[in-house]
Protein backbone atom coordinates (compact mmCIF):
# COMPACT_ATOMS: atom_id res chain seq x y z
CA UNK A 1 -0.01 0.05 -0.10
CA UNK A 2 1.01 3.66 -0.73
CA UNK A 3 0.19 6.24 1.90
CA UNK A 4 -0.13 9.82 0.67
CA UNK A 5 1.72 12.63 2.79
CA UNK A 6 1.78 15.06 4.42
CA UNK A 7 -0.02 13.47 7.47
CA UNK A 8 -2.23 15.04 10.21
CA UNK A 9 -1.15 12.71 13.25
CA UNK A 10 -4.38 11.74 15.33
CA UNK A 11 -3.42 10.95 18.95
CA UNK A 12 -6.95 10.78 20.28
CA UNK A 13 -7.24 10.95 24.02
CA UNK A 14 -4.06 9.01 25.01
CA UNK A 15 -2.79 9.26 28.52
CA UNK A 16 1.05 8.41 28.16
CA UNK A 17 3.70 8.59 25.42
CA UNK A 18 3.75 4.80 24.73
CA UNK A 19 0.16 4.82 23.70
CA UNK A 20 1.14 7.35 21.19
CA UNK A 21 4.26 5.47 19.80
CA UNK A 22 2.97 5.14 16.31
CA UNK A 23 2.80 8.99 15.82
CA UNK A 24 5.96 9.30 17.67
CA UNK A 25 7.86 7.05 15.46
CA UNK A 26 6.54 8.43 12.31
CA UNK A 27 7.50 12.04 13.68
CA UNK A 28 10.95 11.07 14.94
CA UNK A 29 11.95 9.33 11.32
CA UNK A 30 9.96 11.53 8.98
CA UNK A 31 9.15 14.88 10.21
CA UNK A 32 8.67 16.38 6.81
CA UNK A 33 5.68 14.20 6.30
CA UNK A 34 3.88 15.37 9.44
CA UNK A 35 1.82 18.82 9.12
CA UNK A 36 0.40 18.59 12.65
CA UNK A 37 -1.46 16.72 15.50
CA UNK A 38 -4.99 16.25 16.35
CA UNK A 39 -5.90 15.84 19.87
CA UNK A 40 -9.16 15.31 21.80
CA UNK A 41 -10.06 16.71 25.01
CA UNK A 42 -8.14 14.94 27.92
CA UNK A 43 -5.26 13.75 25.85
CA UNK A 44 -2.01 14.17 28.04
CA UNK A 45 0.59 13.69 25.18
CA UNK A 46 1.90 16.46 23.33
CA UNK A 47 4.13 15.49 20.23
CA UNK A 48 5.75 18.85 20.10
CA UNK A 49 4.16 19.86 16.77
CA UNK A 50 1.28 22.36 15.81
CA UNK A 51 -2.11 21.56 16.89
CA UNK A 52 -4.63 21.58 13.77
CA UNK A 53 -8.23 21.04 13.18
CA UNK A 54 -9.08 18.80 10.40
CA UNK A 55 -10.20 21.93 8.34
CA UNK A 56 -6.80 23.58 8.93
CA UNK A 57 -4.95 20.62 8.03
CA UNK A 58 -6.70 20.17 4.92
CA UNK A 59 -6.10 24.07 3.94
CA UNK A 60 -2.23 23.44 4.68
CA UNK A 61 -2.09 20.36 2.26
CA UNK A 62 -2.58 17.35 4.39
CA UNK A 63 -3.56 14.20 2.44
CA UNK A 64 -3.97 11.43 5.18
CA UNK A 65 -5.44 11.35 8.65
CA UNK A 66 -3.02 8.91 10.39
CA UNK A 67 -4.52 7.14 13.49
CA UNK A 68 -1.29 7.43 15.59
CA UNK A 69 -2.57 6.25 18.64
CA UNK A 70 -2.51 2.53 20.18
CA UNK A 71 -4.43 0.80 22.63
CA UNK A 72 -4.69 -2.86 24.21
CA UNK A 73 -6.04 -4.86 21.57
CA UNK A 74 -5.91 -2.47 18.78
CA UNK A 75 -9.62 -1.73 19.11
CA UNK A 76 -11.36 1.43 17.34
CA UNK A 77 -12.50 3.51 20.46
CA UNK A 78 -16.46 4.86 20.14
CA UNK A 79 -15.28 8.41 20.51
CA UNK A 80 -12.94 8.22 17.69
CA UNK A 81 -15.49 7.26 14.98
CA UNK A 82 -17.05 10.78 14.34
CA UNK A 83 -13.59 12.21 14.08
CA UNK A 84 -12.51 9.75 11.61
CA UNK A 85 -15.77 10.53 9.62
CA UNK A 86 -15.06 14.13 9.97
CA UNK A 87 -11.66 13.59 8.34
CA UNK A 88 -13.24 11.53 5.43
CA UNK A 89 -15.81 14.17 4.80
CA UNK A 90 -13.17 16.67 4.46
CA UNK A 91 -11.24 14.69 1.84
CA UNK A 92 -8.32 12.99 3.79
CA UNK A 93 -7.48 9.38 3.32
CA UNK A 94 -7.32 7.50 6.59
CA UNK A 95 -4.46 5.14 7.73
CA UNK A 96 -4.77 3.03 10.60
CA UNK A 97 -2.56 0.47 12.35
CA UNK A 98 -5.37 -1.04 14.55
CA UNK A 99 -6.12 -4.65 14.57
CA UNK A 100 -9.81 -3.58 14.23
CA UNK A 101 -10.77 -3.00 10.70
CA UNK A 102 -12.13 0.69 10.35
CA UNK A 103 -14.41 -0.65 7.41
CA UNK A 104 -15.97 -3.02 9.87
CA UNK A 105 -17.76 0.15 11.17
CA UNK A 106 -20.50 0.58 8.79
CA UNK A 107 -20.77 4.56 9.45
CA UNK A 108 -16.90 4.78 8.56
CA UNK A 109 -17.31 2.50 5.50
CA UNK A 110 -20.27 4.21 4.15
CA UNK A 111 -18.55 7.78 4.36
CA UNK A 112 -15.41 6.35 2.81
CA UNK A 113 -17.28 5.00 -0.42
CA UNK A 114 -19.64 8.03 -0.44
CA UNK A 115 -16.65 10.48 -0.61
CA UNK A 116 -14.33 8.02 -2.59
CA UNK A 117 -11.64 7.99 0.18
CA UNK A 118 -8.79 5.60 0.60
CA UNK A 119 -8.82 3.51 3.88
CA UNK A 120 -5.57 2.17 4.48
CA UNK A 121 -5.73 -0.84 7.16
CA UNK A 122 -2.07 -1.03 7.65
CA UNK A 123 -2.11 -4.42 9.29
CA UNK A 124 -4.50 -6.05 6.59
CA UNK A 125 -3.03 -6.05 3.07
CA UNK A 126 -5.43 -6.04 0.29
CA UNK A 127 -2.86 -7.08 -2.22
CA UNK A 128 -2.64 -10.60 -3.59
CA UNK A 129 0.86 -11.75 -3.54
CA UNK A 130 2.59 -14.88 -5.19
CA UNK A 131 4.19 -17.61 -3.39
CA UNK A 132 7.90 -17.08 -3.15
CA UNK A 133 10.21 -18.15 -6.00
CA UNK A 134 13.68 -17.72 -4.45
CA UNK A 135 15.35 -16.53 -7.82
CA UNK A 136 18.22 -14.39 -7.20
CA UNK A 137 17.51 -10.75 -8.44
CA UNK A 138 20.01 -7.78 -8.76
CA UNK A 139 20.42 -5.26 -6.08
CA UNK A 140 21.81 -5.44 -2.45
CA UNK A 141 19.65 -6.13 0.71
CA UNK A 142 20.45 -5.99 4.44
CA UNK A 143 17.89 -7.26 7.07
CA UNK A 144 17.68 -6.83 10.69
CA UNK A 145 16.88 -9.98 12.60
CA UNK A 146 16.58 -10.24 16.58
CA UNK A 147 17.16 -12.38 19.51
CA UNK A 148 13.35 -11.46 20.33
CA UNK A 149 10.57 -9.28 19.37
CA UNK A 150 10.73 -5.65 20.07
CA UNK A 151 14.54 -5.33 20.54
CA UNK A 152 15.00 -2.42 18.06
CA UNK A 153 14.90 -3.83 14.60
CA UNK A 154 12.95 -1.10 12.84
CA UNK A 155 15.03 1.68 14.42
CA UNK A 156 18.45 -0.09 13.64
CA UNK A 157 17.24 -0.44 9.96
CA UNK A 158 16.20 3.25 9.69
CA UNK A 159 19.52 4.34 11.49
CA UNK A 160 21.54 2.24 8.85
CA UNK A 161 19.35 3.80 6.13
CA UNK A 162 20.15 7.21 7.14
CA UNK A 163 23.82 6.80 7.81
CA UNK A 164 24.43 4.79 4.83
CA UNK A 165 22.83 7.48 2.79
CA UNK A 166 24.99 10.10 4.29
CA UNK A 167 28.19 7.91 3.50
CA UNK A 168 27.20 8.05 -0.04
CA UNK A 169 25.20 4.80 -0.64
CA UNK A 170 22.06 4.77 -2.79
CA UNK A 171 19.61 3.13 0.00
CA UNK A 172 16.05 2.76 0.87
CA UNK A 173 14.14 1.51 3.83
CA UNK A 174 11.69 -1.37 3.31
CA UNK A 175 8.67 -1.47 5.77
CA UNK A 176 7.20 -4.95 6.95
CA UNK A 177 4.91 -3.25 9.95
CA UNK A 178 2.40 -0.63 10.31
CA UNK A 179 4.61 2.12 11.74
CA UNK A 180 7.30 1.40 9.37
CA UNK A 181 4.80 1.72 6.27
CA UNK A 182 3.86 5.22 7.65
CA UNK A 183 7.61 6.16 7.78
CA UNK A 184 8.39 4.79 4.49
CA UNK A 185 5.18 5.72 2.82
CA UNK A 186 4.74 2.26 1.26
CA UNK A 187 5.25 -1.42 2.48
CA UNK A 188 3.46 -4.55 3.59
CA UNK A 189 2.67 -5.46 7.11
CA UNK A 190 3.95 -9.16 6.92
CA UNK A 191 2.14 -10.50 10.05
CA UNK A 192 -1.20 -9.95 8.19
CA UNK A 193 -0.25 -11.82 5.12
CA UNK A 194 -1.20 -15.78 4.94
CA UNK A 195 1.78 -17.85 5.69
CA UNK A 196 2.18 -19.33 2.36
CA UNK A 197 2.72 -16.18 0.62
CA UNK A 198 5.06 -14.21 3.33
CA UNK A 199 8.24 -14.92 1.29
CA UNK A 200 6.33 -13.80 -1.87
CA UNK A 201 5.23 -10.66 -0.25
CA UNK A 202 8.83 -9.87 0.92
CA UNK A 203 10.03 -10.62 -2.67
CA UNK A 204 7.19 -7.96 -3.79
CA UNK A 205 8.65 -5.38 -1.36
CA UNK A 206 12.21 -5.86 -2.40
CA UNK A 207 12.29 -6.37 -6.21
CA UNK A 208 15.30 -5.96 -8.45
CA UNK A 209 17.29 -2.96 -8.39
CA UNK A 210 20.41 -1.38 -9.62
CA UNK A 211 23.63 -3.70 -8.50
CA UNK A 212 24.80 -1.18 -6.02
CA UNK A 213 21.41 -0.28 -4.78
CA UNK A 214 20.84 -1.21 -0.83
CA UNK A 215 17.33 -2.14 0.38
CA UNK A 216 17.38 -1.89 4.10
CA UNK A 217 14.66 -4.48 5.25
CA UNK A 218 12.84 -3.95 8.66
CA UNK A 219 12.82 -7.17 10.33
CA UNK A 220 10.09 -8.97 12.23
CA UNK A 221 9.88 -11.42 15.11
CA UNK A 222 12.77 -13.89 15.84
CA UNK A 223 13.86 -17.27 14.37
CA UNK A 224 13.67 -18.63 18.04
CA UNK A 225 10.34 -16.99 19.06
CA UNK A 226 7.76 -19.81 19.34
CA UNK A 227 4.97 -17.39 18.07
CA UNK A 228 6.64 -15.62 15.14
CA UNK A 229 9.45 -17.61 13.92
CA UNK A 230 7.32 -18.35 10.74
CA UNK A 231 6.99 -14.86 9.81
CA UNK A 232 10.80 -14.17 10.54
CA UNK A 233 11.75 -17.19 8.19
CA UNK A 234 9.43 -16.32 5.41
CA UNK A 235 11.00 -12.82 5.54
CA UNK A 236 14.53 -14.12 5.59
CA UNK A 237 13.75 -16.41 2.48
CA UNK A 238 11.82 -13.66 0.39
CA UNK A 239 14.27 -10.75 1.35
CA UNK A 240 17.46 -13.02 0.34
CA UNK A 241 19.72 -10.54 2.38
CA UNK A 242 23.23 -10.17 1.39
CA UNK A 243 23.82 -8.91 4.92
CA UNK A 244 22.28 -8.83 8.30
CA UNK A 245 22.56 -7.27 11.80
CA UNK A 246 21.47 -8.88 14.82
CA UNK A 247 19.47 -6.73 17.24
CA UNK A 248 19.51 -7.49 20.93
CA UNK A 249 18.16 -6.07 24.03
CA UNK A 250 20.58 -7.08 26.99
CA UNK A 251 18.18 -6.64 29.84
CA UNK A 252 15.80 -9.57 28.77
CA UNK A 253 16.16 -12.96 30.56
CA UNK A 254 13.29 -14.70 28.34
CA UNK A 255 11.46 -14.26 25.29
CA UNK A 256 8.78 -11.66 25.22
CA UNK A 257 5.27 -13.00 25.86
CA UNK A 258 6.30 -16.53 26.15
CA UNK A 259 8.01 -19.12 28.42
CA UNK A 260 11.04 -19.80 26.32
CA UNK A 261 14.63 -19.01 26.89
CA UNK A 262 16.43 -16.01 25.21
CA UNK A 263 18.98 -17.27 22.35
CA UNK A 264 22.55 -16.04 22.43
CA UNK A 265 23.70 -13.68 19.79
CA UNK A 266 26.02 -16.23 18.39
CA UNK A 267 23.08 -18.82 17.91
CA UNK A 268 21.03 -16.11 16.10
CA UNK A 269 23.87 -15.49 13.81
CA UNK A 270 24.41 -19.32 13.26
CA UNK A 271 20.97 -20.10 12.42
CA UNK A 272 20.31 -16.91 10.20
CA UNK A 273 23.40 -17.84 8.29
CA UNK A 274 22.15 -21.60 7.77
CA UNK A 275 18.58 -20.70 6.84
CA UNK A 276 19.43 -17.65 4.79
CA UNK A 277 21.76 -19.73 2.46
CA UNK A 278 18.67 -21.39 0.98
CA UNK A 279 17.89 -18.24 -1.11
CA UNK A 280 21.29 -16.34 -0.77
CA UNK A 281 24.41 -18.49 -0.45
CA UNK A 282 26.43 -15.48 0.03
CA UNK A 283 24.66 -14.03 3.25
CA UNK A 284 26.82 -12.52 5.69
CA UNK A 285 26.77 -10.92 9.09
CA UNK A 286 27.90 -7.36 9.28
CA UNK A 287 27.49 -6.43 12.92
CA UNK A 288 25.18 -6.46 16.12
CA UNK A 289 22.86 -3.65 17.30
CA UNK A 290 22.35 -3.65 21.08
CA UNK A 291 19.59 -1.23 22.72
CA UNK A 292 21.52 0.02 25.74
CA UNK A 293 18.97 2.27 26.96
CA UNK A 294 18.81 0.62 30.27
CA UNK A 295 22.59 1.11 30.97
CA UNK A 296 24.77 4.20 31.82
CA UNK A 297 27.34 5.04 29.31
CA UNK A 298 30.28 3.44 30.70
CA UNK A 299 28.78 -0.08 31.21
CA UNK A 300 26.96 0.36 27.75
CA UNK A 301 30.41 0.79 26.02
CA UNK A 302 31.84 -2.09 27.97
CA UNK A 303 29.14 -4.26 26.83
CA UNK A 304 29.37 -3.09 23.20
CA UNK A 305 33.16 -3.63 23.22
CA UNK A 306 33.17 -6.98 25.00
CA UNK A 307 30.25 -8.27 22.33
CA UNK A 308 32.50 -6.96 19.29
CA UNK A 309 35.47 -8.75 20.61
CA UNK A 310 33.38 -12.02 21.36
CA UNK A 311 31.89 -12.23 17.65
CA UNK A 312 34.58 -10.49 15.79
CA UNK A 313 31.96 -8.02 14.51
CA UNK A 314 31.31 -4.29 15.01
CA UNK A 315 28.81 -3.85 17.78
CA UNK A 316 26.83 -0.55 18.10
CA UNK A 317 23.82 0.98 19.71
CA UNK A 318 22.67 2.65 16.61
CA UNK A 319 20.39 5.37 18.54
CA UNK A 320 22.89 6.29 21.12
CA UNK A 321 26.31 6.07 19.40
CA UNK A 322 25.47 5.70 15.58
CA UNK A 323 25.97 3.11 13.13
CA UNK A 324 29.56 4.12 11.36
CA UNK A 325 31.30 0.97 12.43
CA UNK A 326 28.69 -1.32 10.80
CA UNK A 327 28.50 0.95 7.50
CA UNK A 328 32.52 0.58 7.43
CA UNK A 329 32.06 -3.22 7.53
CA UNK A 330 29.45 -3.17 4.71
CA UNK A 331 32.05 -1.18 2.80
CA UNK A 332 34.90 -3.50 3.53
CA UNK A 333 32.81 -6.61 2.69
CA UNK A 334 30.85 -5.33 -0.10
CA UNK A 335 32.36 -2.20 -1.40
CA UNK A 336 31.10 1.16 -1.84
CA UNK A 337 32.75 4.68 -1.04
CA UNK A 338 32.31 5.94 2.49
CA UNK A 339 32.64 9.44 2.81
């Protein structure tokens, strides 16, 4: 799906920043796409951008009303419905990352059809994908993989895209989740694709390109997670990465949401290489990204250094210290001029 910018970010009546994480992620990585925020009475979060009414946003050139608020279960709140219909009547497309389908609400569906408005159900792709073919295709690809869910795969991919571009590479971010789609403006939510077609969807997302063009692919799940390993494996086979980085959160003692042990970084590297060789025999690990947010700077640097020494790979916190060592490793292994 392709979501038109600029956006009016709707954060509703959320009470904490975590509940506005979709809007925050889009604003952090693509501020040029965001015209303003729309808040309901009682909202306790401020994104730090201009408050706009729907009419003001339309006059300023907004194209899409983005539901940037999240809640338990991803449900459509009753007091949001009239606001969404108002946006539709004003001519705005609507993009939603909720689990609930907006079109399941008859009044929203009727308004969208009457006004010829696109509703982007970001978690529910309406595209029909082919099964994966596994045929090699031109271009270069990097995939972020994880020791667990929610360890920084999206943010690591975006940081690498940013820094590789600054280093002189031709590069693009390929989104596989709802927030990533809003950041990139296009993509596919892989967790909503029927299992037989996940690798085919990943192939569609990362088509043939120029030989030196890098596609930085947002990872999903973990090969070791009992719930989501199928999505992870399909993405690995379909993306055919030439390179991958392992993302890790050091404070975890077990995998998120299940009673399963957390794999070591070494095991993730080993299994990713073994399984990734099915569609790309030349796959290589180019680094490790660790989220050190829970650590002071001294211990964080010590952990990064020790991990780098253990695996003989650059080890970084992409949000805290940048990705330069990994970009240099990509240049060493695959070529490309680093400024």
